[in-house]
Amino acid sequence: MDLRMPILDGVTATRRISAAGPLPRVLVLTTSDTDEEAFAALQAGASGFLLKSAPPDDLLNAIRVVAGGDAVVVAP
């Protein structure tokens, strides 16, 4: 999920997806590197948060962790 989208912001989209049930899980992948936006995404129900600039291995690991039911935050 990206936080900055043209029609519906990612936090609102994450909140709506999360309200529907435990699946699917949401992993935020964004250029937004503020603590406030990370916290907002996690509060909305995201299971993970990392920057688009994260190395590919970090992204793959985050996908695996979130798909496995855990949470991951790679701090900005």
C-alpha atoms as a PDB file:
ATOM      1  CA  MET A   1       0.000   0.000   0.000  1.00  0.00           C
ATOM      2  CA  ASP A   2       1.288   3.459  -0.802  1.00  0.00           C
ATOM      3  CA  LEU A   3       0.296   6.285   1.531  1.00  0.00           C
ATOM      4  CA  ARG A   4       0.036   8.870  -1.235  1.00  0.00           C
ATOM      5  CA  MET A   5      -2.522   7.954  -3.859  1.00  0.00           C
ATOM      6  CA  PRO A   6      -4.601  10.254  -6.046  1.00  0.00           C
ATOM      7  CA  ILE A   7      -8.173   9.316  -5.065  1.00  0.00           C
ATOM      8  CA  LEU A   8      -7.976   7.676  -1.642  1.00  0.00           C
ATOM      9  CA  ASP A   9      -5.033   8.049   0.713  1.00  0.00           C
ATOM     10  CA  GLY A  10      -3.290   4.892   1.884  1.00  0.00           C
ATOM     11  CA  VAL A  11      -4.188   5.296   5.550  1.00  0.00           C
ATOM     12  CA  THR A  12      -7.902   5.446   4.744  1.00  0.00           C
ATOM     13  CA  ALA A  13      -7.599   2.538   2.297  1.00  0.00           C
ATOM     14  CA  THR A  14      -5.719   0.506   4.914  1.00  0.00           C
ATOM     15  CA  ARG A  15      -8.382   1.278   7.516  1.00  0.00           C
ATOM     16  CA  ARG A  16     -11.125   0.087   5.144  1.00  0.00           C
ATOM     17  CA  ILE A  17      -9.279  -3.094   4.203  1.00  0.00           C
ATOM     18  CA  SER A  18      -8.469  -3.887   7.832  1.00  0.00           C
ATOM     19  CA  ALA A  19     -12.077  -3.322   8.903  1.00  0.00           C
ATOM     20  CA  ALA A  20     -13.163  -6.105   6.547  1.00  0.00           C
ATOM     21  CA  GLY A  21     -11.325  -8.765   8.553  1.00  0.00           C
ATOM     22  CA  PRO A  22      -7.910 -10.194   9.282  1.00  0.00           C
ATOM     23  CA  LEU A  23      -7.107 -10.894   5.637  1.00  0.00           C
ATOM     24  CA  PRO A  24      -5.633  -9.537   3.512  1.00  0.00           C
ATOM     25  CA  ARG A  25      -2.809  -8.017   5.514  1.00  0.00           C
ATOM     26  CA  VAL A  26      -1.484  -4.614   4.469  1.00  0.00           C
ATOM     27  CA  LEU A  27       2.189  -3.830   3.988  1.00  0.00           C
ATOM     28  CA  VAL A  28       2.904  -0.133   3.486  1.00  0.00           C
ATOM     29  CA  LEU A  29       5.645   0.568   0.966  1.00  0.00           C
ATOM     30  CA  THR A  30       6.095   4.298   0.580  1.00  0.00           C
ATOM     31  CA  THR A  31       8.432   7.244   0.124  1.00  0.00           C
ATOM     32  CA  SER A  32       6.869   8.919   3.149  1.00  0.00           C
ATOM     33  CA  ASP A  33       9.394   8.753   5.956  1.00  0.00           C
ATOM     34  CA  THR A  34       7.731  10.572   8.824  1.00  0.00           C
ATOM     35  CA  ASP A  35       7.044   8.885  12.141  1.00  0.00           C
ATOM     36  CA  GLU A  36       3.543  10.358  12.124  1.00  0.00           C
ATOM     37  CA  GLU A  37       2.590   8.712   8.838  1.00  0.00           C
ATOM     38  CA  ALA A  38       4.107   5.382   9.858  1.00  0.00           C
ATOM     39  CA  PHE A  39       2.181   5.500  13.126  1.00  0.00           C
ATOM     40  CA  ALA A  40      -1.045   6.464  11.308  1.00  0.00           C
ATOM     41  CA  ALA A  41      -0.656   3.527   8.919  1.00  0.00           C
ATOM     42  CA  LEU A  42      -0.027   1.084  11.750  1.00  0.00           C
ATOM     43  CA  GLN A  43      -2.946   2.486  13.744  1.00  0.00           C
ATOM     44  CA  ALA A  44      -5.137   2.006  10.666  1.00  0.00           C
ATOM     45  CA  GLY A  45      -4.261  -1.687  10.690  1.00  0.00           C
ATOM     46  CA  ALA A  46      -1.165  -2.054   8.519  1.00  0.00           C
ATOM     47  CA  SER A  47       0.946  -5.067   9.417  1.00  0.00           C
ATOM     48  CA  GLY A  48       4.140  -3.537   8.139  1.00  0.00           C
ATOM     49  CA  PHE A  49       5.832  -0.356   7.036  1.00  0.00           C
ATOM     50  CA  LEU A  50       8.964   0.232   4.996  1.00  0.00           C
ATOM     51  CA  LEU A  51      10.346   2.733   2.557  1.00  0.00           C
ATOM     52  CA  LYS A  52      10.444   2.227  -1.204  1.00  0.00           C
ATOM     53  CA  SER A  53      14.186   2.802  -0.967  1.00  0.00           C
ATOM     54  CA  ALA A  54      14.571  -0.343   1.166  1.00  0.00           C
ATOM     55  CA  PRO A  55      16.893  -2.969  -0.310  1.00  0.00           C
ATOM     56  CA  PRO A  56      15.125  -5.775  -2.201  1.00  0.00           C
ATOM     57  CA  ASP A  57      16.054  -8.307   0.496  1.00  0.00           C
ATOM     58  CA  ASP A  58      14.312  -6.156   3.130  1.00  0.00           C
ATOM     59  CA  LEU A  59      11.188  -5.962   0.956  1.00  0.00           C
ATOM     60  CA  LEU A  60      11.115  -9.722   0.409  1.00  0.00           C
ATOM     61  CA  ASN A  61      11.619 -10.338   4.113  1.00  0.00           C
ATOM     62  CA  ALA A  62       8.826  -7.890   4.993  1.00  0.00           C
ATOM     63  CA  ILE A  63       6.445  -9.641   2.593  1.00  0.00           C
ATOM     64  CA  ARG A  64       7.276 -13.015   4.131  1.00  0.00           C
ATOM     65  CA  VAL A  65       6.906 -11.731   7.699  1.00  0.00           C
ATOM     66  CA  VAL A  66       3.550 -10.060   7.040  1.00  0.00           C
ATOM     67  CA  ALA A  67       2.251 -13.034   5.028  1.00  0.00           C
ATOM     68  CA  GLY A  68       3.226 -15.243   7.966  1.00  0.00           C
ATOM     69  CA  GLY A  69       1.019 -13.239  10.301  1.00  0.00           C
ATOM     70  CA  ASP A  70       3.628 -11.128  12.045  1.00  0.00           C
ATOM     71  CA  ALA A  71       4.357  -7.419  11.840  1.00  0.00           C
ATOM     72  CA  VAL A  72       7.432  -5.610  10.575  1.00  0.00           C
ATOM     73  CA  VAL A  73       8.552  -2.006  10.697  1.00  0.00           C
ATOM     74  CA  VAL A  74      11.744  -0.923   9.005  1.00  0.00           C
ATOM     75  CA  ALA A  75      12.340   2.461  10.571  1.00  0.00           C
ATOM     76  CA  PRO A  76      13.051   5.436   8.312  1.00  0.00           C
END
